[in-house]
Amino acid sequence: MEKRELICIQCPMGCPLTVTVHDDGKVTVEGNTCPRGAAYGEKEVTHPTRTVTSTVVLEGGEIARVSVKTASDIPKEKIFDVMAEISRTKRRAPVTLGDIIIKDVAGTGVDVIATKSVPAK
């Protein structure tokens, strides 16, 4: 049996969670005040995911970089692969909010999208 203490980040309440993974694989969550906390606690110990935010080099734009993020959560163990791909990427301006900058980043099935618009010079 494994126990982990977490703080739920699904709402502003920040409930302290105790998540227990039993020997039979069953997961129990205590301390949550809403169903989102239970789902978060279970997911965090069985298959943690994260949204990645960063910037990409922008050529010919009014600014040198454009802010980007993954369109949805990616598996936590893929963060370094995703960041490596983002750091190698260059894009030509203009860029519009929501443009796909990298399709299927690091084989995750998730796109990296622009989080702001940047016009060309």
C-alpha atoms as a PDB file:
ATOM      1  CA  MET A   1       0.000   0.000   0.000  1.00  0.00           C
ATOM      2  CA  GLU A   2       1.241   3.483  -0.892  1.00  0.00           C
ATOM      3  CA  LYS A   3      -0.034   6.780   0.531  1.00  0.00           C
ATOM      4  CA  ARG A   4       0.571  10.232  -0.942  1.00  0.00           C
ATOM      5  CA  GLU A   5      -0.345  13.620   0.434  1.00  0.00           C
ATOM      6  CA  LEU A   6      -1.382  16.174  -2.227  1.00  0.00           C
ATOM      7  CA  ILE A   7      -3.001  19.574  -2.461  1.00  0.00           C
ATOM      8  CA  CYS A   8      -5.837  19.605  -4.980  1.00  0.00           C
ATOM      9  CA  ILE A   9      -5.423  22.254  -7.695  1.00  0.00           C
ATOM     10  CA  GLN A  10      -8.772  21.794  -9.422  1.00  0.00           C
ATOM     11  CA  CYS A  11     -10.469  24.737  -7.693  1.00  0.00           C
ATOM     12  CA  PRO A  12      -9.489  27.614  -5.378  1.00  0.00           C
ATOM     13  CA  MET A  13     -10.271  25.624  -2.202  1.00  0.00           C
ATOM     14  CA  GLY A  14      -6.949  23.729  -2.321  1.00  0.00           C
ATOM     15  CA  CYS A  15      -8.141  20.723  -0.357  1.00  0.00           C
ATOM     16  CA  PRO A  16      -5.445  18.581   1.289  1.00  0.00           C
ATOM     17  CA  LEU A  17      -5.824  15.082  -0.156  1.00  0.00           C
ATOM     18  CA  THR A  18      -4.654  11.729   1.097  1.00  0.00           C
ATOM     19  CA  VAL A  19      -4.466   9.318  -1.818  1.00  0.00           C
ATOM     20  CA  THR A  20      -3.982   5.639  -1.088  1.00  0.00           C
ATOM     21  CA  VAL A  21      -3.063   3.046  -3.702  1.00  0.00           C
ATOM     22  CA  HIS A  22      -3.961  -0.337  -2.242  1.00  0.00           C
ATOM     23  CA  ASP A  23      -2.099  -3.560  -3.038  1.00  0.00           C
ATOM     24  CA  ASP A  24      -4.971  -4.680  -5.292  1.00  0.00           C
ATOM     25  CA  GLY A  25      -4.605  -1.482  -7.388  1.00  0.00           C
ATOM     26  CA  LYS A  26      -7.684   0.227  -5.977  1.00  0.00           C
ATOM     27  CA  VAL A  27      -7.238   3.961  -5.333  1.00  0.00           C
ATOM     28  CA  THR A  28      -9.022   5.850  -2.555  1.00  0.00           C
ATOM     29  CA  VAL A  29      -8.994   9.616  -2.087  1.00  0.00           C
ATOM     30  CA  GLU A  30      -9.817  11.344   1.206  1.00  0.00           C
ATOM     31  CA  GLY A  31     -10.031  15.034   2.077  1.00  0.00           C
ATOM     32  CA  ASN A  32     -11.682  16.290  -1.100  1.00  0.00           C
ATOM     33  CA  THR A  33     -14.780  18.468  -0.796  1.00  0.00           C
ATOM     34  CA  CYS A  34     -15.917  17.973  -4.394  1.00  0.00           C
ATOM     35  CA  PRO A  35     -15.826  15.192  -7.020  1.00  0.00           C
ATOM     36  CA  ARG A  36     -13.119  17.023  -8.995  1.00  0.00           C
ATOM     37  CA  GLY A  37     -10.725  16.511  -6.087  1.00  0.00           C
ATOM     38  CA  ALA A  38     -11.291  12.768  -6.074  1.00  0.00           C
ATOM     39  CA  ALA A  39     -10.682  12.569  -9.832  1.00  0.00           C
ATOM     40  CA  TYR A  40      -7.565  14.758  -9.560  1.00  0.00           C
ATOM     41  CA  GLY A  41      -6.086  12.706  -6.719  1.00  0.00           C
ATOM     42  CA  GLU A  42      -6.595   9.409  -8.518  1.00  0.00           C
ATOM     43  CA  LYS A  43      -5.223  10.704 -11.813  1.00  0.00           C
ATOM     44  CA  GLU A  44      -2.204  12.308 -10.136  1.00  0.00           C
ATOM     45  CA  VAL A  45      -1.012   9.022  -8.636  1.00  0.00           C
ATOM     46  CA  THR A  46      -1.957   6.684 -11.501  1.00  0.00           C
ATOM     47  CA  HIS A  47      -1.212   8.741 -14.620  1.00  0.00           C
ATOM     48  CA  PRO A  48      -0.042  12.316 -13.936  1.00  0.00           C
ATOM     49  CA  THR A  49      -0.375  14.848 -16.749  1.00  0.00           C
ATOM     50  CA  ARG A  50       0.623  18.474 -17.228  1.00  0.00           C
ATOM     51  CA  THR A  51       0.015  21.385 -19.562  1.00  0.00           C
ATOM     52  CA  VAL A  52       3.322  22.721 -20.902  1.00  0.00           C
ATOM     53  CA  THR A  53       3.825  26.431 -21.563  1.00  0.00           C
ATOM     54  CA  SER A  54       6.833  27.954 -23.297  1.00  0.00           C
ATOM     55  CA  THR A  55       7.877  30.203 -26.171  1.00  0.00           C
ATOM     56  CA  VAL A  56       8.955  29.568 -29.763  1.00  0.00           C
ATOM     57  CA  VAL A  57      11.433  31.612 -31.799  1.00  0.00           C
ATOM     58  CA  LEU A  58       9.565  33.881 -34.200  1.00  0.00           C
ATOM     59  CA  GLU A  59      11.235  35.121 -37.364  1.00  0.00           C
ATOM     60  CA  GLY A  60      10.099  38.382 -38.943  1.00  0.00           C
ATOM     61  CA  GLY A  61       7.702  39.278 -36.165  1.00  0.00           C
ATOM     62  CA  GLU A  62       7.202  42.425 -34.130  1.00  0.00           C
ATOM     63  CA  ILE A  63       8.643  40.456 -31.212  1.00  0.00           C
ATOM     64  CA  ALA A  64      11.295  37.719 -31.182  1.00  0.00           C
ATOM     65  CA  ARG A  65       9.243  34.925 -29.601  1.00  0.00           C
ATOM     66  CA  VAL A  66       5.622  33.824 -29.406  1.00  0.00           C
ATOM     67  CA  SER A  67       4.106  32.226 -26.321  1.00  0.00           C
ATOM     68  CA  VAL A  68       2.775  28.684 -26.774  1.00  0.00           C
ATOM     69  CA  LYS A  69       1.154  25.894 -24.761  1.00  0.00           C
ATOM     70  CA  THR A  70       0.033  22.350 -25.262  1.00  0.00           C
ATOM     71  CA  ALA A  71      -3.609  22.246 -26.370  1.00  0.00           C
ATOM     72  CA  SER A  72      -4.326  19.767 -23.567  1.00  0.00           C
ATOM     73  CA  ASP A  73      -2.480  17.832 -20.879  1.00  0.00           C
ATOM     74  CA  ILE A  74       0.376  15.543 -21.843  1.00  0.00           C
ATOM     75  CA  PRO A  75       1.811  12.630 -19.839  1.00  0.00           C
ATOM     76  CA  LYS A  76       4.223  14.005 -17.239  1.00  0.00           C
ATOM     77  CA  GLU A  77       7.006  11.703 -18.417  1.00  0.00           C
ATOM     78  CA  LYS A  78       6.914  13.364 -21.879  1.00  0.00           C
ATOM     79  CA  ILE A  79       7.608  16.919 -20.636  1.00  0.00           C
ATOM     80  CA  PHE A  80      11.320  16.868 -21.512  1.00  0.00           C
ATOM     81  CA  ASP A  81      10.647  15.440 -24.993  1.00  0.00           C
ATOM     82  CA  VAL A  82       8.015  18.123 -25.599  1.00  0.00           C
ATOM     83  CA  MET A  83      10.308  20.899 -24.390  1.00  0.00           C
ATOM     84  CA  ALA A  84      13.149  19.637 -26.602  1.00  0.00           C
ATOM     85  CA  GLU A  85      10.888  19.784 -29.655  1.00  0.00           C
ATOM     86  CA  ILE A  86       9.596  23.235 -28.727  1.00  0.00           C
ATOM     87  CA  SER A  87      13.146  24.549 -28.286  1.00  0.00           C
ATOM     88  CA  ARG A  88      14.101  23.355 -31.795  1.00  0.00           C
ATOM     89  CA  THR A  89      11.076  25.002 -33.407  1.00  0.00           C
ATOM     90  CA  LYS A  90      11.114  28.287 -35.336  1.00  0.00           C
ATOM     91  CA  ARG A  91       8.067  29.921 -36.868  1.00  0.00           C
ATOM     92  CA  ARG A  92       7.667  32.725 -39.400  1.00  0.00           C
ATOM     93  CA  ALA A  93       5.380  35.648 -38.497  1.00  0.00           C
ATOM     94  CA  PRO A  94       2.528  36.429 -38.598  1.00  0.00           C
ATOM     95  CA  VAL A  95       1.061  34.122 -35.964  1.00  0.00           C
ATOM     96  CA  THR A  96      -2.545  34.222 -34.801  1.00  0.00           C
ATOM     97  CA  LEU A  97      -3.843  33.178 -31.396  1.00  0.00           C
ATOM     98  CA  GLY A  98      -4.730  29.482 -31.584  1.00  0.00           C
ATOM     99  CA  ASP A  99      -2.504  28.665 -34.577  1.00  0.00           C
ATOM    100  CA  ILE A 100      -1.010  25.180 -34.408  1.00  0.00           C
ATOM    101  CA  ILE A 101       2.737  25.654 -34.028  1.00  0.00           C
ATOM    102  CA  ILE A 102       3.646  21.963 -33.649  1.00  0.00           C
ATOM    103  CA  LYS A 103       1.281  19.142 -34.597  1.00  0.00           C
ATOM    104  CA  ASP A 104       1.375  15.963 -32.454  1.00  0.00           C
ATOM    105  CA  VAL A 105       4.298  17.174 -30.332  1.00  0.00           C
ATOM    106  CA  ALA A 106       6.689  14.374 -29.330  1.00  0.00           C
ATOM    107  CA  GLY A 107       4.177  11.752 -30.460  1.00  0.00           C
ATOM    108  CA  THR A 108       1.707  12.656 -27.700  1.00  0.00           C
ATOM    109  CA  GLY A 109      -1.238  13.297 -30.024  1.00  0.00           C
ATOM    110  CA  VAL A 110      -1.417  16.835 -28.620  1.00  0.00           C
ATOM    111  CA  ASP A 111      -0.700  20.009 -30.598  1.00  0.00           C
ATOM    112  CA  VAL A 112       1.286  23.017 -29.398  1.00  0.00           C
ATOM    113  CA  ILE A 113      -0.692  26.202 -30.076  1.00  0.00           C
ATOM    114  CA  ALA A 114       0.072  29.928 -30.015  1.00  0.00           C
ATOM    115  CA  THR A 115      -1.344  31.777 -27.019  1.00  0.00           C
ATOM    116  CA  LYS A 116      -1.121  35.231 -28.594  1.00  0.00           C
ATOM    117  CA  SER A 117      -1.161  36.893 -31.988  1.00  0.00           C
ATOM    118  CA  VAL A 118       2.035  38.441 -33.333  1.00  0.00           C
ATOM    119  CA  PRO A 119       1.989  40.432 -36.584  1.00  0.00           C
ATOM    120  CA  ALA A 120       4.861  40.513 -39.053  1.00  0.00           C
ATOM    121  CA  LYS A 121       7.179  43.529 -39.023  1.00  0.00           C
END
